[in-house]
Amino acid sequence: MEDSEYEDLKEKYKTLKEQTEYILKNYPSSRELDELLWWLVLKTFYPDLAKLFGEGANKGYIPKEVLESIPRFETVSRIRRKFNEQGMYLPKDKEVRARRRRYEEHWRRLMGEEKRGEL
């Protein structure tokens, strides 16, 4: 992708929510694995940071300023979950859906116990 294409995308999709939705819409495989979703957001909308991140990872050290500048994995994952709660961009793999449902039920149960003071 040319630099101008990156700039055009970045101009059109300004927020992390818009960027995440673009990836979910255009790369269906990103719906199955949050790590892939995060990496595609980083690579597509933050190519210079993605390059620095990759170079740092190869050297075993990622500079703090790079880590502070890239979108957080947890935030991208949370945005994907919000879309999924609305029935959007759901994974096609039944096992992924089942695993996420179990995980969600587990956390809801834990949060309910915490609210009742049982933890």
C-alpha atoms as a PDB file:
ATOM      1  CA  MET A   1       0.000   0.000   0.000  1.00  0.00           C
ATOM      2  CA  GLU A   2       1.337   3.430  -0.928  1.00  0.00           C
ATOM      3  CA  ASP A   3       1.823   6.157   1.670  1.00  0.00           C
ATOM      4  CA  SER A   4      -1.011   8.172   0.117  1.00  0.00           C
ATOM      5  CA  GLU A   5      -3.359   5.193   0.534  1.00  0.00           C
ATOM      6  CA  TYR A   6      -2.501   5.014   4.237  1.00  0.00           C
ATOM      7  CA  GLU A   7      -3.097   8.719   4.601  1.00  0.00           C
ATOM      8  CA  ASP A   8      -6.440   8.461   2.783  1.00  0.00           C
ATOM      9  CA  LEU A   9      -7.546   5.627   5.072  1.00  0.00           C
ATOM     10  CA  LYS A  10      -6.362   7.455   8.179  1.00  0.00           C
ATOM     11  CA  GLU A  11      -8.228  10.586   7.061  1.00  0.00           C
ATOM     12  CA  LYS A  12     -11.448   8.667   6.341  1.00  0.00           C
ATOM     13  CA  TYR A  13     -11.345   6.504   9.485  1.00  0.00           C
ATOM     14  CA  LYS A  14     -10.174   8.816  12.247  1.00  0.00           C
ATOM     15  CA  THR A  15     -11.256   7.080  15.421  1.00  0.00           C
ATOM     16  CA  LEU A  16     -10.054   3.723  16.666  1.00  0.00           C
ATOM     17  CA  LYS A  17     -13.662   2.516  16.585  1.00  0.00           C
ATOM     18  CA  GLU A  18     -13.957   3.426  12.888  1.00  0.00           C
ATOM     19  CA  GLN A  19     -10.586   1.834  12.153  1.00  0.00           C
ATOM     20  CA  THR A  20     -11.522  -1.367  13.972  1.00  0.00           C
ATOM     21  CA  GLU A  21     -14.831  -1.566  12.144  1.00  0.00           C
ATOM     22  CA  TYR A  22     -13.057  -1.090   8.804  1.00  0.00           C
ATOM     23  CA  ILE A  23     -10.791  -4.058   9.551  1.00  0.00           C
ATOM     24  CA  LEU A  24     -13.663  -6.246  10.807  1.00  0.00           C
ATOM     25  CA  LYS A  25     -15.677  -5.421   7.699  1.00  0.00           C
ATOM     26  CA  ASN A  26     -12.876  -5.903   5.162  1.00  0.00           C
ATOM     27  CA  TYR A  27     -10.897  -8.737   6.758  1.00  0.00           C
ATOM     28  CA  PRO A  28     -13.399 -11.352   8.028  1.00  0.00           C
ATOM     29  CA  SER A  29     -10.587 -13.532   9.415  1.00  0.00           C
ATOM     30  CA  SER A  30      -9.922 -10.751  11.944  1.00  0.00           C
ATOM     31  CA  ARG A  31     -13.255 -11.630  13.593  1.00  0.00           C
ATOM     32  CA  GLU A  32     -11.840 -14.951  14.764  1.00  0.00           C
ATOM     33  CA  LEU A  33      -8.731 -13.758  16.600  1.00  0.00           C
ATOM     34  CA  ASP A  34      -8.273 -10.485  18.473  1.00  0.00           C
ATOM     35  CA  GLU A  35      -4.502 -10.602  18.022  1.00  0.00           C
ATOM     36  CA  LEU A  36      -4.946 -10.585  14.236  1.00  0.00           C
ATOM     37  CA  LEU A  37      -7.524  -7.811  14.476  1.00  0.00           C
ATOM     38  CA  TRP A  38      -5.149  -5.686  16.564  1.00  0.00           C
ATOM     39  CA  TRP A  39      -2.204  -6.329  14.232  1.00  0.00           C
ATOM     40  CA  LEU A  40      -4.250  -5.426  11.120  1.00  0.00           C
ATOM     41  CA  VAL A  41      -5.424  -2.178  12.747  1.00  0.00           C
ATOM     42  CA  LEU A  42      -1.828  -1.377  13.641  1.00  0.00           C
ATOM     43  CA  LYS A  43      -0.423  -2.343  10.230  1.00  0.00           C
ATOM     44  CA  THR A  44      -3.163  -0.602   8.231  1.00  0.00           C
ATOM     45  CA  PHE A  45      -3.574   2.656  10.141  1.00  0.00           C
ATOM     46  CA  TYR A  46      -0.228   3.010  11.940  1.00  0.00           C
ATOM     47  CA  PRO A  47       2.303   1.522   9.482  1.00  0.00           C
ATOM     48  CA  ASP A  48       5.293   3.488  10.794  1.00  0.00           C
ATOM     49  CA  LEU A  49       4.562   2.405  14.363  1.00  0.00           C
ATOM     50  CA  ALA A  50       3.936  -1.177  13.213  1.00  0.00           C
ATOM     51  CA  LYS A  51       7.367  -1.193  11.604  1.00  0.00           C
ATOM     52  CA  LEU A  52       9.026   0.176  14.759  1.00  0.00           C
ATOM     53  CA  PHE A  53       7.086  -2.323  16.867  1.00  0.00           C
ATOM     54  CA  GLY A  54       8.202  -5.220  14.656  1.00  0.00           C
ATOM     55  CA  GLU A  55      11.821  -4.079  14.588  1.00  0.00           C
ATOM     56  CA  GLY A  56      11.820  -3.667  18.354  1.00  0.00           C
ATOM     57  CA  ALA A  57      10.256  -7.084  18.878  1.00  0.00           C
ATOM     58  CA  ASN A  58      12.952  -8.648  16.694  1.00  0.00           C
ATOM     59  CA  LYS A  59      15.597  -7.033  18.901  1.00  0.00           C
ATOM     60  CA  GLY A  60      13.810  -8.080  22.080  1.00  0.00           C
ATOM     61  CA  TYR A  61      13.035  -4.518  23.131  1.00  0.00           C
ATOM     62  CA  ILE A  62      10.166  -2.236  22.141  1.00  0.00           C
ATOM     63  CA  PRO A  63      10.803   1.411  23.022  1.00  0.00           C
ATOM     64  CA  LYS A  64       8.408   2.906  25.556  1.00  0.00           C
ATOM     65  CA  GLU A  65       7.403   5.742  23.209  1.00  0.00           C
ATOM     66  CA  VAL A  66       6.338   3.190  20.588  1.00  0.00           C
ATOM     67  CA  LEU A  67       4.278   1.251  23.131  1.00  0.00           C
ATOM     68  CA  GLU A  68       2.648   4.466  24.336  1.00  0.00           C
ATOM     69  CA  SER A  69       1.759   5.511  20.782  1.00  0.00           C
ATOM     70  CA  ILE A  70       0.139   2.367  19.387  1.00  0.00           C
ATOM     71  CA  PRO A  71      -3.518   1.483  19.957  1.00  0.00           C
ATOM     72  CA  ARG A  72      -3.893  -0.769  22.985  1.00  0.00           C
ATOM     73  CA  PHE A  73      -4.784  -4.383  22.287  1.00  0.00           C
ATOM     74  CA  GLU A  74      -7.411  -4.333  25.052  1.00  0.00           C
ATOM     75  CA  THR A  75      -9.144  -1.320  23.529  1.00  0.00           C
ATOM     76  CA  VAL A  76      -9.365  -2.898  20.073  1.00  0.00           C
ATOM     77  CA  SER A  77     -10.672  -6.106  21.655  1.00  0.00           C
ATOM     78  CA  ARG A  78     -13.256  -4.152  23.669  1.00  0.00           C
ATOM     79  CA  ILE A  79     -14.452  -2.359  20.531  1.00  0.00           C
ATOM     80  CA  ARG A  80     -14.842  -5.727  18.768  1.00  0.00           C
ATOM     81  CA  ARG A  81     -16.865  -7.058  21.725  1.00  0.00           C
ATOM     82  CA  LYS A  82     -19.175  -4.023  21.580  1.00  0.00           C
ATOM     83  CA  PHE A  83     -19.837  -4.675  17.891  1.00  0.00           C
ATOM     84  CA  ASN A  84     -20.465  -8.355  18.683  1.00  0.00           C
ATOM     85  CA  GLU A  85     -22.952  -7.393  21.426  1.00  0.00           C
ATOM     86  CA  GLN A  86     -24.903  -5.610  18.680  1.00  0.00           C
ATOM     87  CA  GLY A  87     -24.785  -8.755  16.525  1.00  0.00           C
ATOM     88  CA  MET A  88     -22.221  -7.252  14.155  1.00  0.00           C
ATOM     89  CA  TYR A  89     -19.044  -8.836  12.756  1.00  0.00           C
ATOM     90  CA  LEU A  90     -19.514 -12.133  14.553  1.00  0.00           C
ATOM     91  CA  PRO A  91     -16.950 -14.881  13.981  1.00  0.00           C
ATOM     92  CA  LYS A  92     -17.970 -17.657  11.613  1.00  0.00           C
ATOM     93  CA  ASP A  93     -16.139 -20.365  13.583  1.00  0.00           C
ATOM     94  CA  LYS A  94     -18.640 -21.978  15.968  1.00  0.00           C
ATOM     95  CA  GLU A  95     -15.919 -22.926  18.448  1.00  0.00           C
ATOM     96  CA  VAL A  96     -14.726 -19.307  18.663  1.00  0.00           C
ATOM     97  CA  ARG A  97     -18.303 -18.153  19.320  1.00  0.00           C
ATOM     98  CA  ALA A  98     -18.800 -20.869  21.954  1.00  0.00           C
ATOM     99  CA  ARG A  99     -15.480 -20.072  23.676  1.00  0.00           C
ATOM    100  CA  ARG A 100     -16.276 -16.364  23.796  1.00  0.00           C
ATOM    101  CA  ARG A 101     -19.751 -17.084  25.154  1.00  0.00           C
ATOM    102  CA  ARG A 102     -18.282 -19.297  27.925  1.00  0.00           C
ATOM    103  CA  TYR A 103     -15.723 -16.619  28.757  1.00  0.00           C
ATOM    104  CA  GLU A 104     -18.424 -13.957  28.919  1.00  0.00           C
ATOM    105  CA  GLU A 105     -20.646 -16.129  31.143  1.00  0.00           C
ATOM    106  CA  HIS A 106     -17.689 -16.834  33.426  1.00  0.00           C
ATOM    107  CA  TRP A 107     -16.972 -13.117  33.853  1.00  0.00           C
ATOM    108  CA  ARG A 108     -20.630 -12.249  34.399  1.00  0.00           C
ATOM    109  CA  ARG A 109     -20.806 -14.915  37.103  1.00  0.00           C
ATOM    110  CA  LEU A 110     -17.631 -13.614  38.750  1.00  0.00           C
ATOM    111  CA  MET A 111     -18.856 -10.026  38.645  1.00  0.00           C
ATOM    112  CA  GLY A 112     -22.168 -11.079  40.179  1.00  0.00           C
ATOM    113  CA  GLU A 113     -20.356 -12.837  43.013  1.00  0.00           C
ATOM    114  CA  GLU A 114     -18.115  -9.831  43.556  1.00  0.00           C
ATOM    115  CA  LYS A 115     -21.129  -7.506  43.790  1.00  0.00           C
ATOM    116  CA  ARG A 116     -22.634  -9.774  46.452  1.00  0.00           C
ATOM    117  CA  GLY A 117     -19.358  -9.714  48.360  1.00  0.00           C
ATOM    118  CA  GLU A 118     -18.644 -13.413  47.855  1.00  0.00           C
ATOM    119  CA  LEU A 119     -15.082 -13.047  46.538  1.00  0.00           C
END
